[in-house]
PDB file of N, CA and C in Angstrom:
ATOM      1  N   MET A   1       5.782 -19.814   3.809  1.00  0.00           N
ATOM      2  CA  MET A   1       4.425 -19.143   3.600  1.00  0.00           C
ATOM      3  C   MET A   1       3.585 -19.455   3.344  1.00  0.00           C
ATOM      4  N   ALA A   2       2.211 -19.111   3.555  1.00  0.00           N
ATOM      5  CA  ALA A   2       1.265 -19.353   2.701  1.00  0.00           C
ATOM      6  C   ALA A   2       0.852 -18.643   1.670  1.00  0.00           C
ATOM      7  N   ASN A   3       0.592 -19.232   0.474  1.00  0.00           N
ATOM      8  CA  ASN A   3      -0.101 -18.284  -0.593  1.00  0.00           C
ATOM      9  C   ASN A   3      -1.284 -17.366  -0.516  1.00  0.00           C
ATOM     10  N   GLY A   4      -0.768 -15.789  -1.205  1.00  0.00           N
ATOM     11  CA  GLY A   4      -1.728 -15.064  -1.072  1.00  0.00           C
ATOM     12  C   GLY A   4      -2.742 -15.279  -1.688  1.00  0.00           C
ATOM     13  N   ASN A   5      -4.040 -14.570  -1.567  1.00  0.00           N
ATOM     14  CA  ASN A   5      -5.095 -14.065  -1.897  1.00  0.00           C
ATOM     15  C   ASN A   5      -4.985 -12.969  -2.604  1.00  0.00           C
ATOM     16  N   TRP A   6      -4.768 -13.208  -3.388  1.00  0.00           N
ATOM     17  CA  TRP A   6      -4.314 -11.421  -4.536  1.00  0.00           C
ATOM     18  C   TRP A   6      -5.252 -10.938  -5.150  1.00  0.00           C
ATOM     19  N   GLN A   7      -5.092  -9.769  -5.211  1.00  0.00           N
ATOM     20  CA  GLN A   7      -6.223  -8.946  -6.176  1.00  0.00           C
ATOM     21  C   GLN A   7      -5.055  -7.818  -6.581  1.00  0.00           C
ATOM     22  N   TYR A   8      -5.485  -7.909  -8.295  1.00  0.00           N
ATOM     23  CA  TYR A   8      -4.424  -7.208  -9.265  1.00  0.00           C
ATOM     24  C   TYR A   8      -5.458  -6.315  -9.733  1.00  0.00           C
ATOM     25  N   ILE A   9      -4.796  -4.775  -9.958  1.00  0.00           N
ATOM     26  CA  ILE A   9      -5.132  -3.496  -9.962  1.00  0.00           C
ATOM     27  C   ILE A   9      -4.688  -2.486 -10.620  1.00  0.00           C
ATOM     28  N   GLU A  10      -5.051  -2.399 -12.113  1.00  0.00           N
ATOM     29  CA  GLU A  10      -4.190  -1.130 -12.435  1.00  0.00           C
ATOM     30  C   GLU A  10      -4.368   0.065 -12.073  1.00  0.00           C
ATOM     31  N   SER A  11      -3.578   0.771 -11.713  1.00  0.00           N
ATOM     32  CA  SER A  11      -3.598   1.868 -10.875  1.00  0.00           C
ATOM     33  C   SER A  11      -3.342   2.956 -12.129  1.00  0.00           C
ATOM     34  N   GLU A  12      -4.621   3.743 -11.963  1.00  0.00           N
ATOM     35  CA  GLU A  12      -4.750   5.053 -12.741  1.00  0.00           C
ATOM     36  C   GLU A  12      -3.606   5.823 -12.328  1.00  0.00           C
ATOM     37  N   THR A  13      -3.623   6.156 -11.313  1.00  0.00           N
ATOM     38  CA  THR A  13      -2.476   7.215 -10.667  1.00  0.00           C
ATOM     39  C   THR A  13      -0.788   7.096 -10.747  1.00  0.00           C
ATOM     40  N   LEU A  14      -1.151   5.798 -10.449  1.00  0.00           N
ATOM     41  CA  LEU A  14       0.405   4.772 -10.413  1.00  0.00           C
ATOM     42  C   LEU A  14       0.866   4.458 -11.590  1.00  0.00           C
ATOM     43  N   LYS A  15       0.158   4.587 -12.895  1.00  0.00           N
ATOM     44  CA  LYS A  15       0.391   3.974 -14.419  1.00  0.00           C
ATOM     45  C   LYS A  15       1.183   2.869 -14.317  1.00  0.00           C
ATOM     46  N   GLN A  16       0.845   1.506 -13.200  1.00  0.00           N
ATOM     47  CA  GLN A  16       1.271   0.379 -13.089  1.00  0.00           C
ATOM     48  C   GLN A  16       0.417  -0.870 -12.096  1.00  0.00           C
ATOM     49  N   THR A  17       0.490  -1.936 -12.534  1.00  0.00           N
ATOM     50  CA  THR A  17       0.241  -3.039 -11.831  1.00  0.00           C
ATOM     51  C   THR A  17       0.614  -2.961 -10.492  1.00  0.00           C
ATOM     52  N   ILE A  18      -0.569  -3.167  -9.663  1.00  0.00           N
ATOM     53  CA  ILE A  18      -0.380  -3.486  -8.398  1.00  0.00           C
ATOM     54  C   ILE A  18      -1.140  -4.581  -7.833  1.00  0.00           C
ATOM     55  N   ALA A  19      -0.318  -5.226  -6.723  1.00  0.00           N
ATOM     56  CA  ALA A  19      -0.606  -6.233  -6.644  1.00  0.00           C
ATOM     57  C   ALA A  19      -1.081  -6.490  -4.922  1.00  0.00           C
ATOM     58  N   TYR A  20      -2.411  -6.740  -4.320  1.00  0.00           N
ATOM     59  CA  TYR A  20      -2.520  -6.798  -3.113  1.00  0.00           C
ATOM     60  C   TYR A  20      -2.924  -7.818  -2.394  1.00  0.00           C
ATOM     61  N   ASP A  21      -2.456  -8.481  -1.380  1.00  0.00           N
ATOM     62  CA  ASP A  21      -2.793  -9.679  -0.730  1.00  0.00           C
ATOM     63  C   ASP A  21      -3.614  -9.490   0.166  1.00  0.00           C
ATOM     64  N   ARG A  22      -4.584  -9.989  -0.050  1.00  0.00           N
ATOM     65  CA  ARG A  22      -5.706  -9.858   1.041  1.00  0.00           C
ATOM     66  C   ARG A  22      -5.367 -10.843   2.289  1.00  0.00           C
ATOM     67  N   ASN A  23      -4.816 -11.614   2.215  1.00  0.00           N
ATOM     68  CA  ASN A  23      -4.321 -11.958   3.416  1.00  0.00           C
ATOM     69  C   ASN A  23      -3.399 -11.674   4.398  1.00  0.00           C
ATOM     70  N   SER A  24      -2.160 -11.030   3.885  1.00  0.00           N
ATOM     71  CA  SER A  24      -1.176 -10.452   4.834  1.00  0.00           C
ATOM     72  C   SER A  24      -1.367  -9.079   4.600  1.00  0.00           C
ATOM     73  N   GLY A  25      -1.823  -7.982   3.822  1.00  0.00           N
ATOM     74  CA  GLY A  25      -2.418  -7.034   4.080  1.00  0.00           C
ATOM     75  C   GLY A  25      -1.540  -6.001   3.138  1.00  0.00           C
ATOM     76  N   TRP A  26      -0.407  -6.711   2.832  1.00  0.00           N
ATOM     77  CA  TRP A  26       0.712  -5.968   2.084  1.00  0.00           C
ATOM     78  C   TRP A  26       0.182  -5.828   0.659  1.00  0.00           C
ATOM     79  N   LEU A  27       0.720  -4.744   0.018  1.00  0.00           N
ATOM     80  CA  LEU A  27       0.958  -4.045  -1.295  1.00  0.00           C
ATOM     81  C   LEU A  27       1.713  -3.957  -2.041  1.00  0.00           C
ATOM     82  N   PHE A  28       2.217  -4.367  -3.105  1.00  0.00           N
ATOM     83  CA  PHE A  28       3.359  -4.328  -3.883  1.00  0.00           C
ATOM     84  C   PHE A  28       3.101  -3.982  -5.213  1.00  0.00           C
ATOM     85  N   CYS A  29       4.028  -3.418  -5.295  1.00  0.00           N
ATOM     86  CA  CYS A  29       4.132  -2.423  -7.310  1.00  0.00           C
ATOM     87  C   CYS A  29       5.129  -2.817  -7.958  1.00  0.00           C
ATOM     88  N   LYS A  30       4.677  -2.692  -9.135  1.00  0.00           N
ATOM     89  CA  LYS A  30       5.616  -3.171 -10.385  1.00  0.00           C
ATOM     90  C   LYS A  30       7.017  -2.801  -9.956  1.00  0.00           C
ATOM     91  N   ASP A  31       6.499  -1.515  -9.727  1.00  0.00           N
ATOM     92  CA  ASP A  31       8.309  -1.254  -9.643  1.00  0.00           C
ATOM     93  C   ASP A  31       9.155  -1.297  -8.278  1.00  0.00           C
ATOM     94  N   GLY A  32       8.614  -2.015  -7.284  1.00  0.00           N
ATOM     95  CA  GLY A  32       9.267  -2.681  -6.315  1.00  0.00           C
ATOM     96  C   GLY A  32       8.835  -2.314  -5.245  1.00  0.00           C
ATOM     97  N   THR A  33       7.974  -0.854  -5.349  1.00  0.00           N
ATOM     98  CA  THR A  33       7.540  -0.268  -3.881  1.00  0.00           C
ATOM     99  C   THR A  33       6.649  -1.342  -3.238  1.00  0.00           C
ATOM    100  N   LYS A  34       6.991  -1.221  -2.019  1.00  0.00           N
ATOM    101  CA  LYS A  34       5.590  -2.265  -1.024  1.00  0.00           C
ATOM    102  C   LYS A  34       5.178  -1.592  -0.106  1.00  0.00           C
ATOM    103  N   TYR A  35       4.214  -1.610   0.382  1.00  0.00           N
ATOM    104  CA  TYR A  35       3.255  -0.769   1.365  1.00  0.00           C
ATOM    105  C   TYR A  35       2.544  -1.723   2.417  1.00  0.00           C
ATOM    106  N   SER A  36       3.140  -1.377   3.859  1.00  0.00           N
ATOM    107  CA  SER A  36       2.443  -2.535   4.679  1.00  0.00           C
ATOM    108  C   SER A  36       0.933  -2.215   5.123  1.00  0.00           C
ATOM    109  N   PRO A  37       0.494  -2.851   5.730  1.00  0.00           N
ATOM    110  CA  PRO A  37      -1.041  -2.860   5.856  1.00  0.00           C
ATOM    111  C   PRO A  37      -1.011  -1.539   6.890  1.00  0.00           C
ATOM    112  N   LYS A  38      -0.230  -1.114   7.995  1.00  0.00           N
ATOM    113  CA  LYS A  38      -0.245   0.300   8.790  1.00  0.00           C
ATOM    114  C   LYS A  38       0.031   0.786   7.712  1.00  0.00           C
ATOM    115  N   GLU A  39       0.904   1.264   6.821  1.00  0.00           N
ATOM    116  CA  GLU A  39       1.424   2.204   5.686  1.00  0.00           C
ATOM    117  C   GLU A  39      -0.097   2.381   4.908  1.00  0.00           C
ATOM    118  N   LEU A  40      -0.879   1.533   4.510  1.00  0.00           N
ATOM    119  CA  LEU A  40      -1.916   1.549   3.622  1.00  0.00           C
ATOM    120  C   LEU A  40      -3.169   2.301   4.901  1.00  0.00           C
ATOM    121  N   ALA A  41      -3.406   2.098   5.754  1.00  0.00           N
ATOM    122  CA  ALA A  41      -4.265   2.977   6.755  1.00  0.00           C
ATOM    123  C   ALA A  41      -3.604   4.518   6.961  1.00  0.00           C
ATOM    124  N   LYS A  42      -2.339   4.509   6.654  1.00  0.00           N
ATOM    125  CA  LYS A  42      -2.096   5.925   6.951  1.00  0.00           C
ATOM    126  C   LYS A  42      -1.992   7.085   5.936  1.00  0.00           C
ATOM    127  N   ILE A  43      -1.870   6.464   4.320  1.00  0.00           N
ATOM    128  CA  ILE A  43      -2.239   7.168   3.268  1.00  0.00           C
ATOM    129  C   ILE A  43      -3.550   6.753   2.892  1.00  0.00           C
ATOM    130  N   THR A  44      -4.625   6.006   2.959  1.00  0.00           N
ATOM    131  CA  THR A  44      -5.638   5.897   2.424  1.00  0.00           C
ATOM    132  C   THR A  44      -6.844   5.667   3.316  1.00  0.00           C
ATOM    133  N   LYS A  45      -7.586   6.477   2.858  1.00  0.00           N
ATOM    134  CA  LYS A  45      -9.006   6.635   4.143  1.00  0.00           C
ATOM    135  C   LYS A  45      -9.388   5.558   4.630  1.00  0.00           C
ATOM    136  N   ASN A  46      -9.799   4.257   3.581  1.00  0.00           N
ATOM    137  CA  ASN A  46     -10.029   3.176   3.813  1.00  0.00           C
ATOM    138  C   ASN A  46      -9.545   2.303   2.799  1.00  0.00           C
ATOM    139  N   TRP A  47      -8.361   1.913   3.198  1.00  0.00           N
ATOM    140  CA  TRP A  47      -7.693   0.718   2.037  1.00  0.00           C
ATOM    141  C   TRP A  47      -8.678  -0.421   1.741  1.00  0.00           C
ATOM    142  N   THR A  48      -9.509  -0.932   0.861  1.00  0.00           N
ATOM    143  CA  THR A  48      -9.979  -2.299   0.765  1.00  0.00           C
ATOM    144  C   THR A  48      -9.908  -2.834  -0.556  1.00  0.00           C
ATOM    145  N   GLY A  49      -8.623  -2.558  -1.343  1.00  0.00           N
ATOM    146  CA  GLY A  49      -8.074  -3.151  -2.262  1.00  0.00           C
ATOM    147  C   GLY A  49      -8.048  -2.585  -3.740  1.00  0.00           C
ATOM    148  N   GLY A  50      -9.019  -1.554  -3.705  1.00  0.00           N
ATOM    149  CA  GLY A  50      -9.314  -0.575  -4.900  1.00  0.00           C
ATOM    150  C   GLY A  50      -9.122   0.242  -4.673  1.00  0.00           C
ATOM    151  N   ALA A  51      -8.451   1.193  -3.590  1.00  0.00           N
ATOM    152  CA  ALA A  51      -8.371   2.667  -3.638  1.00  0.00           C
ATOM    153  C   ALA A  51      -6.803   2.696  -3.894  1.00  0.00           C
ATOM    154  N   GLU A  52      -6.568   4.158  -4.811  1.00  0.00           N
ATOM    155  CA  GLU A  52      -5.619   4.265  -5.207  1.00  0.00           C
ATOM    156  C   GLU A  52      -4.666   5.386  -4.385  1.00  0.00           C
ATOM    157  N   ILE A  53      -3.181   5.039  -4.286  1.00  0.00           N
ATOM    158  CA  ILE A  53      -2.327   5.463  -3.789  1.00  0.00           C
ATOM    159  C   ILE A  53      -2.094   6.576  -3.969  1.00  0.00           C
ATOM    160  N   PRO A  54      -1.956   7.725  -3.198  1.00  0.00           N
ATOM    161  CA  PRO A  54      -1.570   8.885  -3.787  1.00  0.00           C
ATOM    162  C   PRO A  54      -0.602   8.987  -3.893  1.00  0.00           C
ATOM    163  N   ARG A  55      -0.026   9.665  -5.777  1.00  0.00           N
ATOM    164  CA  ARG A  55       0.783   9.539  -6.217  1.00  0.00           C
ATOM    165  C   ARG A  55       2.432  10.601  -5.729  1.00  0.00           C
ATOM    166  N   GLN A  56       2.119  11.401  -5.273  1.00  0.00           N
ATOM    167  CA  GLN A  56       3.099  12.168  -4.822  1.00  0.00           C
ATOM    168  C   GLN A  56       3.821  11.204  -3.285  1.00  0.00           C
ATOM    169  N   VAL A  57       2.488  10.320  -2.520  1.00  0.00           N
ATOM    170  CA  VAL A  57       3.520   9.823  -1.871  1.00  0.00           C
ATOM    171  C   VAL A  57       3.883   8.640  -2.426  1.00  0.00           C
ATOM    172  N   HIS A  58       3.684   8.186  -3.644  1.00  0.00           N
ATOM    173  CA  HIS A  58       4.635   7.164  -4.042  1.00  0.00           C
ATOM    174  C   HIS A  58       5.699   7.411  -4.390  1.00  0.00           C
ATOM    175  N   VAL A  59       6.087   8.532  -5.080  1.00  0.00           N
ATOM    176  CA  VAL A  59       7.247   9.112  -5.524  1.00  0.00           C
ATOM    177  C   VAL A  59       8.091   9.264  -4.527  1.00  0.00           C
ATOM    178  N   ILE A  60       7.796   9.585  -3.382  1.00  0.00           N
ATOM    179  CA  ILE A  60       8.712   9.806  -2.255  1.00  0.00           C
ATOM    180  C   ILE A  60       8.923   8.534  -1.613  1.00  0.00           C
ATOM    181  N   LYS A  61       8.044   7.574  -1.574  1.00  0.00           N
ATOM    182  CA  LYS A  61       8.070   6.543  -1.197  1.00  0.00           C
ATOM    183  C   LYS A  61       9.738   5.858  -1.826  1.00  0.00           C
ATOM    184  N   LYS A  62       8.997   5.900  -2.899  1.00  0.00           N
ATOM    185  CA  LYS A  62       9.933   4.846  -4.168  1.00  0.00           C
ATOM    186  C   LYS A  62      11.599   5.244  -3.798  1.00  0.00           C
ATOM    187  N   LEU A  63      11.523   6.889  -3.827  1.00  0.00           N
ATOM    188  CA  LEU A  63      12.742   7.741  -4.237  1.00  0.00           C
ATOM    189  C   LEU A  63      13.653   7.222  -2.847  1.00  0.00           C
ATOM    190  N   PHE A  64      12.874   7.361  -1.307  1.00  0.00           N
ATOM    191  CA  PHE A  64      13.851   7.176  -0.119  1.00  0.00           C
ATOM    192  C   PHE A  64      13.604   5.611   0.665  1.00  0.00           C
ATOM    193  N   GLY A  65      12.618   5.027   0.034  1.00  0.00           N
ATOM    194  CA  GLY A  65      12.529   4.107   0.613  1.00  0.00           C
ATOM    195  C   GLY A  65      11.806   3.801   2.550  1.00  0.00           C
ATOM    196  N   GLY A  66      11.860   3.176   3.090  1.00  0.00           N
ATOM    197  CA  GLY A  66      11.579   3.339   4.163  1.00  0.00           C
ATOM    198  C   GLY A  66      10.345   3.156   4.623  1.00  0.00           C
ATOM    199  N   GLU A  67      10.002   3.197   5.705  1.00  0.00           N
ATOM    200  CA  GLU A  67       8.405   2.937   6.133  1.00  0.00           C
ATOM    201  C   GLU A  67       7.753   4.478   6.595  1.00  0.00           C
ATOM    202  N   ILE A  68       6.564   4.649   6.202  1.00  0.00           N
ATOM    203  CA  ILE A  68       5.456   5.640   6.331  1.00  0.00           C
ATOM    204  C   ILE A  68       5.076   5.424   7.543  1.00  0.00           C
ATOM    205  N   VAL A  69       5.414   6.443   8.765  1.00  0.00           N
ATOM    206  CA  VAL A  69       5.090   6.491   9.813  1.00  0.00           C
ATOM    207  C   VAL A  69       4.066   7.695  10.085  1.00  0.00           C
ATOM    208  N   ALA A  70       3.714   8.778   9.793  1.00  0.00           N
ATOM    209  CA  ALA A  70       3.076   9.517  10.148  1.00  0.00           C
ATOM    210  C   ALA A  70       2.142  10.354   8.446  1.00  0.00           C
ATOM    211  N   VAL A  71       1.281  10.702   8.451  1.00  0.00           N
ATOM    212  CA  VAL A  71       0.669  11.689   7.416  1.00  0.00           C
ATOM    213  C   VAL A  71      -0.166  13.029   7.936  1.00  0.00           C
ATOM    214  N   THR A  72       0.602  14.150   7.520  1.00  0.00           N
ATOM    215  CA  THR A  72      -0.084  15.409   7.645  1.00  0.00           C
ATOM    216  C   THR A  72      -0.076  16.218   6.659  1.00  0.00           C
ATOM    217  N   GLU A  73      -1.398  16.717   6.463  1.00  0.00           N
ATOM    218  CA  GLU A  73      -1.700  17.514   5.386  1.00  0.00           C
ATOM    219  C   GLU A  73      -1.326  19.308   6.023  1.00  0.00           C
ATOM    220  N   LYS A  74      -0.973  19.626   4.600  1.00  0.00           N
ATOM    221  CA  LYS A  74      -0.188  20.680   4.471  1.00  0.00           C
ATOM    222  C   LYS A  74      -1.496  22.224   4.635  1.00  0.00           C
ATOM    223  N   LYS A  75      -1.502  22.656   5.884  1.00  0.00           N
ATOM    224  CA  LYS A  75      -2.794  23.734   5.765  1.00  0.00           C
ATOM    225  C   LYS A  75      -2.709  24.561   4.699  1.00  0.00           C
ATOM    226  N   GLY A  76      -3.360  25.374   4.291  1.00  0.00           N
ATOM    227  CA  GLY A  76      -3.654  26.432   3.347  1.00  0.00           C
ATOM    228  C   GLY A  76      -3.493  26.342   2.239  1.00  0.00           C
ATOM    229  N   ASP A  77      -3.252  24.723   1.626  1.00  0.00           N
ATOM    230  CA  ASP A  77      -3.026  24.307   0.329  1.00  0.00           C
ATOM    231  C   ASP A  77      -4.417  24.642   0.012  1.00  0.00           C
ATOM    232  N   THR A  78      -3.878  24.969  -1.551  1.00  0.00           N
ATOM    233  CA  THR A  78      -5.173  25.348  -2.408  1.00  0.00           C
ATOM    234  C   THR A  78      -5.082  24.400  -3.772  1.00  0.00           C
ATOM    235  N   GLU A  79      -4.168  23.429  -3.706  1.00  0.00           N
ATOM    236  CA  GLU A  79      -4.484  22.630  -5.043  1.00  0.00           C
ATOM    237  C   GLU A  79      -5.310  21.892  -4.345  1.00  0.00           C
TER     238      GLU A  79
END
């Protein structure tokens, strides 16, 4: 496997360091959670290596694992 072109980010929302591999497009969190390029495209508007992962999404992903296949917004949410 080729060496990555890494960008390390101190995530304010996740309260941990995240590592983004610019070559593969994968994101790895210090807590072991990882995101594929397809997942990042679904949960962020335009992942460029500096955007924040929504905390609620991260907590669910960490708890259940698996792959994020769709994102929908709750209508009428006032928060």
